[in-house]
Protein backbone atom coordinates (compact mmCIF):
# COMPACT_ATOMS: atom_id res chain seq x y z
CA MET A 1 15.06 3.53 27.96
CA LYS A 2 13.97 0.45 26.06
CA VAL A 3 11.51 1.00 23.23
CA ARG A 4 9.19 -1.81 22.27
CA PRO A 5 7.84 -2.06 18.72
CA LYS A 6 4.12 -1.53 18.28
CA GLU A 7 1.85 -3.05 15.69
CA VAL A 8 -0.17 -0.79 13.45
CA MET A 9 -3.05 -2.30 11.49
CA VAL A 10 -3.32 -0.97 7.96
CA ASN A 11 -5.76 -2.05 5.27
CA LEU A 12 -4.14 -1.72 1.85
CA PRO A 13 -4.70 -0.96 -0.90
CA ALA A 14 -6.77 2.04 0.12
CA VAL A 15 -8.10 5.10 -1.69
CA HIS A 16 -8.05 8.47 0.09
CA PHE A 17 -9.42 11.89 -0.81
CA PHE A 18 -7.44 15.11 -0.27
CA ASP A 19 -8.15 18.83 -0.43
CA SER A 20 -4.81 19.98 -1.86
CA GLU A 21 -1.86 18.73 -3.88
CA GLY A 22 0.99 17.12 -2.01
CA GLU A 23 -1.09 15.78 0.86
CA ASP A 24 -0.87 12.26 -0.58
CA ALA A 25 2.93 12.45 -0.78
CA GLN A 26 3.09 13.77 2.77
CA LEU A 27 0.88 10.96 4.06
CA ALA A 28 3.09 8.34 2.39
CA ALA A 29 6.25 10.01 3.73
CA ASN A 30 4.84 10.20 7.27
CA PHE A 31 3.85 6.55 7.18
CA ASN A 32 7.25 5.49 5.82
CA THR A 33 9.11 7.28 8.64
CA PHE A 34 7.88 4.75 11.18
CA VAL A 35 7.82 1.59 9.03
CA HIS A 36 10.64 -0.81 9.80
CA GLY A 37 12.38 -2.80 7.08
CA LYS A 38 12.29 -2.71 3.32
CA VAL A 39 8.51 -2.32 3.02
CA ARG A 40 7.47 1.13 1.84
CA LEU A 41 4.02 2.57 1.29
CA LYS A 42 3.59 3.67 -2.32
CA TYR A 43 0.87 5.86 -3.81
CA GLU A 44 -0.51 6.92 -7.16
CA PHE A 45 -2.53 10.04 -7.86
CA LEU A 46 -5.65 8.95 -9.78
CA GLY A 47 -7.46 12.23 -10.51
CA THR A 48 -10.26 14.31 -9.04
CA ILE A 49 -13.84 13.71 -8.03
CA GLY A 50 -15.61 16.99 -7.49
CA ALA A 51 -13.13 19.26 -5.77
CA GLN A 52 -11.25 16.41 -4.08
CA LEU A 53 -7.98 14.85 -5.22
CA VAL A 54 -7.97 11.04 -5.22
CA SER A 55 -4.93 8.81 -4.58
CA ILE A 56 -4.50 5.09 -4.07
CA PHE A 57 -2.03 3.75 -1.49
CA TYR A 58 -0.52 0.27 -1.74
CA LEU A 59 2.43 -1.95 -0.88
CA GLN A 60 2.41 -3.94 -4.11
CA ARG A 61 0.40 -3.93 -7.28
CA ASN A 62 -1.75 -7.03 -7.18
CA ASP A 63 -5.26 -8.03 -8.24
CA GLU A 64 -6.84 -6.20 -5.30
CA PHE A 65 -4.92 -3.03 -6.24
CA SER A 66 -5.99 -3.31 -9.88
CA GLN A 67 -9.67 -3.80 -9.08
CA LEU A 68 -9.80 -0.87 -6.66
CA ARG A 69 -7.85 1.36 -9.07
CA GLU A 70 -10.14 0.50 -12.01
CA GLU A 71 -13.24 1.18 -9.90
CA PHE A 72 -12.05 4.65 -8.93
CA MET A 73 -10.81 5.44 -12.43
CA ARG A 74 -14.37 4.77 -13.68
CA LEU A 75 -15.78 7.07 -10.97
CA ILE A 76 -13.28 9.79 -11.92
CA GLU A 77 -14.10 9.45 -15.63
CA ASN A 78 -17.85 9.58 -14.89
CA ASP A 79 -17.37 12.71 -12.77
CA LEU A 80 -15.33 14.35 -15.54
CA MET A 81 -17.95 13.54 -18.21
CA GLU A 82 -20.72 14.86 -15.94
CA ARG A 83 -18.86 18.13 -15.34
CA GLU A 84 -18.15 18.54 -19.06
CA SER A 85 -21.80 17.93 -19.99
CA ASN A 86 -22.93 20.48 -17.37
CA ASN A 87 -20.48 23.08 -18.77
CA GLY A 88 -21.37 22.42 -22.42
């Protein structure tokens, strides 16, 4: 049987929300099992917003990565300050 490669469209960098720890690592590992070549999906856990864990996925750290990361870090910091002010 001859297998033909398929194209998969992926928009990166991308931020995803998860319900539990380790889901981001599993997503990256699953993606990397079918990627051909030296390219590997990388991820960084950013923090939490509400009850959701937030991670950014990327191939390389570039300007687009930095802008998206900074935007979500501000959202995470704002959420943390809001929760602290509600508890205090």
